[in-house]
N, C-alpha and C. Protein backbone atom coordinates (compact mmCIF):
# COMPACT_ATOMS: atom_id res chain seq x y z
N MET A 1 -11.12 -17.40 0.60
CA MET A 1 -11.55 -17.47 1.99
C MET A 1 -13.00 -17.91 2.07
N SER A 2 -13.32 -18.57 3.13
CA SER A 2 -14.72 -18.94 3.33
C SER A 2 -15.49 -17.71 3.81
N LYS A 3 -16.80 -17.81 3.80
CA LYS A 3 -17.63 -16.69 4.24
C LYS A 3 -17.38 -16.36 5.70
N GLU A 4 -17.12 -17.39 6.50
CA GLU A 4 -16.86 -17.17 7.93
C GLU A 4 -15.55 -16.41 8.13
N GLU A 5 -14.54 -16.74 7.34
CA GLU A 5 -13.25 -16.05 7.45
C GLU A 5 -13.36 -14.62 6.94
N LYS A 6 -14.11 -14.41 5.86
CA LYS A 6 -14.29 -13.06 5.32
C LYS A 6 -15.00 -12.16 6.31
N ALA A 7 -15.89 -12.73 7.10
CA ALA A 7 -16.65 -11.94 8.07
C ALA A 7 -15.77 -11.44 9.21
N LYS A 8 -14.58 -12.00 9.36
CA LYS A 8 -13.68 -11.59 10.44
C LYS A 8 -12.84 -10.36 10.09
N TYR A 9 -12.91 -9.90 8.83
CA TYR A 9 -12.05 -8.81 8.38
C TYR A 9 -12.87 -7.67 7.79
N ASP A 10 -12.36 -6.46 7.93
CA ASP A 10 -12.95 -5.26 7.34
C ASP A 10 -12.42 -5.13 5.91
N ILE A 11 -13.12 -5.74 4.97
CA ILE A 11 -12.67 -5.78 3.58
C ILE A 11 -12.63 -4.38 2.99
N GLU A 12 -13.61 -3.54 3.31
CA GLU A 12 -13.63 -2.17 2.80
C GLU A 12 -12.40 -1.39 3.28
N GLY A 13 -12.03 -1.56 4.53
CA GLY A 13 -10.86 -0.88 5.08
C GLY A 13 -9.57 -1.33 4.42
N ILE A 14 -9.46 -2.63 4.19
CA ILE A 14 -8.27 -3.17 3.55
C ILE A 14 -8.20 -2.69 2.10
N ALA A 15 -9.32 -2.65 1.41
CA ALA A 15 -9.34 -2.16 0.03
C ALA A 15 -8.94 -0.69 -0.04
N THR A 16 -9.41 0.10 0.92
CA THR A 16 -9.04 1.52 0.97
C THR A 16 -7.54 1.66 1.22
N LEU A 17 -6.99 0.85 2.12
CA LEU A 17 -5.56 0.88 2.38
C LEU A 17 -4.78 0.54 1.12
N PHE A 18 -5.18 -0.52 0.42
CA PHE A 18 -4.50 -0.90 -0.82
C PHE A 18 -4.55 0.23 -1.83
N ARG A 19 -5.72 0.85 -2.01
CA ARG A 19 -5.86 1.94 -2.96
C ARG A 19 -4.91 3.08 -2.63
N ASN A 20 -4.89 3.49 -1.37
CA ASN A 20 -4.07 4.63 -0.97
C ASN A 20 -2.58 4.34 -1.13
N VAL A 21 -2.15 3.15 -0.74
CA VAL A 21 -0.74 2.80 -0.85
C VAL A 21 -0.32 2.68 -2.31
N MET A 22 -1.16 2.10 -3.13
CA MET A 22 -0.83 1.97 -4.56
C MET A 22 -0.76 3.33 -5.24
N PHE A 23 -1.66 4.24 -4.88
CA PHE A 23 -1.60 5.59 -5.44
C PHE A 23 -0.33 6.31 -4.98
N ALA A 24 0.06 6.14 -3.72
CA ALA A 24 1.28 6.76 -3.21
C ALA A 24 2.51 6.20 -3.93
N MET A 25 2.53 4.89 -4.15
CA MET A 25 3.65 4.29 -4.87
C MET A 25 3.71 4.79 -6.31
N ALA A 26 2.56 4.89 -6.95
CA ALA A 26 2.52 5.40 -8.33
C ALA A 26 2.98 6.85 -8.38
N LEU A 27 2.56 7.65 -7.42
CA LEU A 27 2.97 9.04 -7.38
C LEU A 27 4.48 9.17 -7.22
N LEU A 28 5.07 8.35 -6.36
CA LEU A 28 6.52 8.37 -6.18
C LEU A 28 7.25 7.98 -7.47
N ILE A 29 6.73 7.01 -8.18
CA ILE A 29 7.34 6.60 -9.45
C ILE A 29 7.22 7.71 -10.48
N ILE A 30 6.08 8.37 -10.54
CA ILE A 30 5.88 9.47 -11.49
C ILE A 30 6.81 10.64 -11.16
N VAL A 31 6.92 10.97 -9.88
CA VAL A 31 7.83 12.05 -9.46
C VAL A 31 9.26 11.68 -9.83
N GLY A 32 9.63 10.43 -9.63
CA GLY A 32 10.96 9.97 -10.01
C GLY A 32 11.21 10.09 -11.50
N TYR A 33 10.20 9.79 -12.29
CA TYR A 33 10.33 9.92 -13.75
C TYR A 33 10.59 11.36 -14.14
N PHE A 34 9.78 12.28 -13.60
CA PHE A 34 9.94 13.69 -13.97
C PHE A 34 11.24 14.27 -13.40
N ALA A 35 11.66 13.81 -12.23
CA ALA A 35 12.93 14.27 -11.66
C ALA A 35 14.09 13.78 -12.53
N ALA A 36 14.01 12.55 -12.99
CA ALA A 36 15.06 12.01 -13.86
C ALA A 36 15.11 12.78 -15.17
N ASP A 37 13.96 13.14 -15.69
CA ASP A 37 13.90 13.91 -16.93
C ASP A 37 14.42 15.34 -16.71
N TRP A 38 14.04 15.93 -15.60
CA TRP A 38 14.43 17.31 -15.29
C TRP A 38 15.94 17.43 -15.08
N PHE A 39 16.52 16.51 -14.29
CA PHE A 39 17.94 16.56 -13.97
C PHE A 39 18.81 15.80 -14.98
N LYS A 40 18.18 15.21 -15.99
CA LYS A 40 18.89 14.44 -17.01
C LYS A 40 19.74 13.32 -16.39
N ASN A 41 19.12 12.66 -15.39
CA ASN A 41 19.81 11.58 -14.68
C ASN A 41 18.85 10.38 -14.61
N PRO A 42 19.01 9.40 -15.51
CA PRO A 42 18.08 8.27 -15.53
C PRO A 42 18.14 7.39 -14.28
N LYS A 43 19.19 7.51 -13.50
CA LYS A 43 19.29 6.72 -12.27
C LYS A 43 18.22 7.12 -11.26
N LEU A 44 17.77 8.36 -11.30
CA LEU A 44 16.73 8.81 -10.37
C LEU A 44 15.43 8.05 -10.57
N GLU A 45 15.13 7.73 -11.80
CA GLU A 45 13.91 6.97 -12.10
C GLU A 45 13.97 5.57 -11.48
N THR A 46 15.12 4.93 -11.61
CA THR A 46 15.31 3.60 -11.04
C THR A 46 15.26 3.65 -9.51
N ILE A 47 15.88 4.68 -8.95
CA ILE A 47 15.87 4.84 -7.50
C ILE A 47 14.44 5.02 -6.99
N ALA A 48 13.66 5.84 -7.68
CA ALA A 48 12.27 6.07 -7.27
C ALA A 48 11.45 4.79 -7.36
N LEU A 49 11.68 4.00 -8.38
CA LEU A 49 10.95 2.74 -8.55
C LEU A 49 11.24 1.80 -7.38
N PHE A 50 12.53 1.57 -7.12
CA PHE A 50 12.89 0.64 -6.05
C PHE A 50 12.53 1.19 -4.68
N LEU A 51 12.62 2.50 -4.50
CA LEU A 51 12.23 3.11 -3.24
C LEU A 51 10.74 2.91 -2.97
N SER A 52 9.93 3.09 -4.01
CA SER A 52 8.49 2.90 -3.84
C SER A 52 8.16 1.45 -3.50
N ILE A 53 8.86 0.52 -4.10
CA ILE A 53 8.63 -0.89 -3.80
C ILE A 53 9.12 -1.25 -2.40
N LEU A 54 10.32 -0.78 -2.07
CA LEU A 54 10.90 -1.12 -0.77
C LEU A 54 10.15 -0.48 0.40
N LEU A 55 9.50 0.64 0.18
CA LEU A 55 8.72 1.28 1.23
C LEU A 55 7.25 0.83 1.20
N GLY A 56 6.69 0.74 0.00
CA GLY A 56 5.26 0.48 -0.14
C GLY A 56 4.83 -0.93 0.20
N VAL A 57 5.54 -1.91 -0.29
CA VAL A 57 5.12 -3.30 -0.10
C VAL A 57 5.19 -3.72 1.37
N PRO A 58 6.31 -3.47 2.08
CA PRO A 58 6.30 -3.84 3.51
C PRO A 58 5.24 -3.08 4.31
N TYR A 59 5.08 -1.79 4.01
CA TYR A 59 4.05 -1.01 4.71
C TYR A 59 2.67 -1.61 4.47
N LEU A 60 2.39 -1.97 3.24
CA LEU A 60 1.11 -2.56 2.88
C LEU A 60 0.90 -3.89 3.59
N LEU A 61 1.89 -4.73 3.61
CA LEU A 61 1.77 -6.04 4.26
C LEU A 61 1.60 -5.91 5.77
N ILE A 62 2.37 -5.04 6.39
CA ILE A 62 2.29 -4.87 7.84
C ILE A 62 0.95 -4.27 8.24
N ARG A 63 0.52 -3.22 7.56
CA ARG A 63 -0.74 -2.56 7.92
C ARG A 63 -1.96 -3.44 7.63
N SER A 64 -1.96 -4.14 6.50
CA SER A 64 -3.13 -4.95 6.15
C SER A 64 -3.27 -6.16 7.07
N ASN A 65 -2.18 -6.62 7.66
CA ASN A 65 -2.23 -7.75 8.57
C ASN A 65 -2.34 -7.33 10.03
N SER A 66 -2.48 -6.04 10.28
CA SER A 66 -2.58 -5.58 11.66
C SER A 66 -3.99 -5.86 12.21
N ASN A 67 -4.12 -5.70 13.49
CA ASN A 67 -5.41 -5.95 14.14
C ASN A 67 -6.45 -4.89 13.81
N LYS A 68 -6.04 -3.79 13.21
CA LYS A 68 -6.96 -2.71 12.88
C LYS A 68 -8.09 -3.18 11.95
N TYR A 69 -7.80 -4.12 11.08
CA TYR A 69 -8.77 -4.56 10.09
C TYR A 69 -9.45 -5.87 10.46
N LYS A 70 -9.20 -6.37 11.66
CA LYS A 70 -9.90 -7.56 12.14
C LYS A 70 -11.12 -7.10 12.93
N ILE A 71 -12.24 -7.72 12.65
CA ILE A 71 -13.49 -7.38 13.30
C ILE A 71 -13.60 -8.22 14.57
N ASP A 72 -13.74 -7.52 15.71
CA ASP A 72 -13.88 -8.21 17.00
C ASP A 72 -15.36 -8.38 17.28
N LYS A 73 -15.83 -9.60 17.22
CA LYS A 73 -17.27 -9.88 17.41
C LYS A 73 -17.73 -9.58 18.82
N THR A 74 -16.83 -9.64 19.82
CA THR A 74 -17.25 -9.39 21.20
C THR A 74 -17.61 -7.92 21.42
N LYS A 75 -17.03 -7.01 20.64
CA LYS A 75 -17.35 -5.59 20.78
C LYS A 75 -18.70 -5.24 20.16
N THR A 76 -19.11 -5.98 19.13
CA THR A 76 -20.36 -5.67 18.44
C THR A 76 -21.56 -6.31 19.13
N GLU A 77 -21.33 -7.28 19.99
CA GLU A 77 -22.45 -7.96 20.64
C GLU A 77 -22.87 -7.26 21.91
């Protein structure tokens, strides 16, 4: 992106969103691993992996592209 385009977005907010969603996805995968180990059912691990991807990626894309992270210059002036 050019400097002008970067100035239109809250990069810190988007980075925080990415961090939080990635940690949540990792936590779901880890819980799935331990649940699969606990219940002796390896399918739970696969389900947790795909569930984290199917929930996390669309949520991340929708939220990061929302107007929440766009900086409105008219409000700051």
